[in-house]
Amino acid sequence: MARLNFNAIFAQHLDDNTLEPKQRIRVGGVEFGPGVKFSHGVAFGGVDFSQFIGRDLEVETHGDILVIKGIY
């Protein structure tokens, strides 16, 4: 497992206040990747990532998918 900063995993689009994963990720059985923009209040696998901007995430790599395991 590794510990990565939120900004290494998600791009923040300030023009429309959205977030977008920089690579394919999985959280709680849900997979999504680049091209999926979302904003505050949208949950993936039960997690609203907009609440954790700037925090570190615990991740594992499975092939080309980054699996989010926890939040610090």
C-alpha atoms as a PDB file:
ATOM      1  CA  MET A   1       0.000   0.000   0.000  1.00  0.00           C
ATOM      2  CA  ALA A   2       0.987   3.570  -0.557  1.00  0.00           C
ATOM      3  CA  ARG A   3      -0.026   6.970   0.734  1.00  0.00           C
ATOM      4  CA  LEU A   4      -0.753   9.617  -1.919  1.00  0.00           C
ATOM      5  CA  ASN A   5      -1.971  13.176  -1.641  1.00  0.00           C
ATOM      6  CA  PHE A   6      -5.454  13.878  -2.977  1.00  0.00           C
ATOM      7  CA  ASN A   7      -3.999  16.174  -5.661  1.00  0.00           C
ATOM      8  CA  ALA A   8      -1.914  13.303  -7.066  1.00  0.00           C
ATOM      9  CA  ILE A   9      -5.126  11.361  -7.725  1.00  0.00           C
ATOM     10  CA  PHE A  10      -7.718  14.022  -8.591  1.00  0.00           C
ATOM     11  CA  ALA A  11      -7.609  17.126 -10.786  1.00  0.00           C
ATOM     12  CA  GLN A  12      -9.543  20.133  -9.522  1.00  0.00           C
ATOM     13  CA  HIS A  13     -11.288  22.187 -12.218  1.00  0.00           C
ATOM     14  CA  LEU A  14     -11.691  25.624 -10.711  1.00  0.00           C
ATOM     15  CA  ASP A  15     -13.683  26.973 -13.681  1.00  0.00           C
ATOM     16  CA  ASP A  16     -16.693  24.754 -12.886  1.00  0.00           C
ATOM     17  CA  ASN A  17     -15.746  23.623  -9.336  1.00  0.00           C
ATOM     18  CA  THR A  18     -15.549  19.929 -10.262  1.00  0.00           C
ATOM     19  CA  LEU A  19     -13.144  17.090  -9.548  1.00  0.00           C
ATOM     20  CA  GLU A  20     -11.909  14.427 -11.981  1.00  0.00           C
ATOM     21  CA  PRO A  21      -9.688  11.393 -11.391  1.00  0.00           C
ATOM     22  CA  LYS A  22      -6.345  11.537 -13.195  1.00  0.00           C
ATOM     23  CA  GLN A  23      -6.381   7.763 -13.755  1.00  0.00           C
ATOM     24  CA  ARG A  24      -8.789   4.849 -13.375  1.00  0.00           C
ATOM     25  CA  ILE A  25      -9.709   4.383  -9.690  1.00  0.00           C
ATOM     26  CA  ARG A  26     -11.865   2.041  -7.630  1.00  0.00           C
ATOM     27  CA  VAL A  27     -13.563   2.764  -4.330  1.00  0.00           C
ATOM     28  CA  GLY A  28     -16.102   0.539  -2.625  1.00  0.00           C
ATOM     29  CA  GLY A  29     -16.600  -1.589  -5.738  1.00  0.00           C
ATOM     30  CA  VAL A  30     -17.228   1.443  -7.988  1.00  0.00           C
ATOM     31  CA  GLU A  31     -14.749   2.173 -10.802  1.00  0.00           C
ATOM     32  CA  PHE A  32     -14.411   5.433 -12.679  1.00  0.00           C
ATOM     33  CA  GLY A  33     -11.677   7.358 -14.400  1.00  0.00           C
ATOM     34  CA  PRO A  34     -10.646  10.380 -16.430  1.00  0.00           C
ATOM     35  CA  GLY A  35     -13.588  12.044 -18.096  1.00  0.00           C
ATOM     36  CA  VAL A  36     -15.874  11.562 -15.076  1.00  0.00           C
ATOM     37  CA  LYS A  37     -16.306  15.004 -13.542  1.00  0.00           C
ATOM     38  CA  PHE A  38     -18.241  15.415 -10.325  1.00  0.00           C
ATOM     39  CA  SER A  39     -18.921  18.105  -7.762  1.00  0.00           C
ATOM     40  CA  HIS A  40     -19.602  18.496  -4.051  1.00  0.00           C
ATOM     41  CA  GLY A  41     -22.260  16.130  -2.753  1.00  0.00           C
ATOM     42  CA  VAL A  42     -21.685  13.342  -5.281  1.00  0.00           C
ATOM     43  CA  ALA A  43     -20.629  10.071  -3.633  1.00  0.00           C
ATOM     44  CA  PHE A  44     -18.764   7.148  -5.202  1.00  0.00           C
ATOM     45  CA  GLY A  45     -18.795   3.973  -3.150  1.00  0.00           C
ATOM     46  CA  GLY A  46     -20.338   6.015  -0.348  1.00  0.00           C
ATOM     47  CA  VAL A  47     -17.535   8.600  -0.338  1.00  0.00           C
ATOM     48  CA  ASP A  48     -17.960  12.300  -1.188  1.00  0.00           C
ATOM     49  CA  PHE A  49     -14.363  13.029  -2.200  1.00  0.00           C
ATOM     50  CA  SER A  50     -14.920  16.793  -2.186  1.00  0.00           C
ATOM     51  CA  GLN A  51     -14.794  16.566   1.632  1.00  0.00           C
ATOM     52  CA  PHE A  52     -11.215  15.281   1.509  1.00  0.00           C
ATOM     53  CA  ILE A  53      -9.470  17.757  -0.795  1.00  0.00           C
ATOM     54  CA  GLY A  54      -5.857  18.153   0.348  1.00  0.00           C
ATOM     55  CA  ARG A  55      -5.838  15.017   2.512  1.00  0.00           C
ATOM     56  CA  ASP A  56      -3.807  11.848   1.921  1.00  0.00           C
ATOM     57  CA  LEU A  57      -5.367   8.643   0.620  1.00  0.00           C
ATOM     58  CA  GLU A  58      -4.210   5.071   1.221  1.00  0.00           C
ATOM     59  CA  VAL A  59      -4.108   3.240  -2.106  1.00  0.00           C
ATOM     60  CA  GLU A  60      -3.144  -0.044  -3.742  1.00  0.00           C
ATOM     61  CA  THR A  61      -2.386  -0.517  -7.414  1.00  0.00           C
ATOM     62  CA  HIS A  62      -4.087  -3.402  -9.206  1.00  0.00           C
ATOM     63  CA  GLY A  63      -2.864  -3.348 -12.795  1.00  0.00           C
ATOM     64  CA  ASP A  64      -3.791   0.078 -14.138  1.00  0.00           C
ATOM     65  CA  ILE A  65      -6.413   0.725 -11.442  1.00  0.00           C
ATOM     66  CA  LEU A  66      -5.722   2.679  -8.268  1.00  0.00           C
ATOM     67  CA  VAL A  67      -7.801   1.202  -5.417  1.00  0.00           C
ATOM     68  CA  ILE A  68      -8.582   3.675  -2.653  1.00  0.00           C
ATOM     69  CA  LYS A  69      -8.489   1.856   0.697  1.00  0.00           C
ATOM     70  CA  GLY A  70      -8.586   4.675   3.226  1.00  0.00           C
ATOM     71  CA  ILE A  71      -8.350   8.375   3.969  1.00  0.00           C
ATOM     72  CA  TYR A  72      -5.988  10.071   6.422  1.00  0.00           C
END
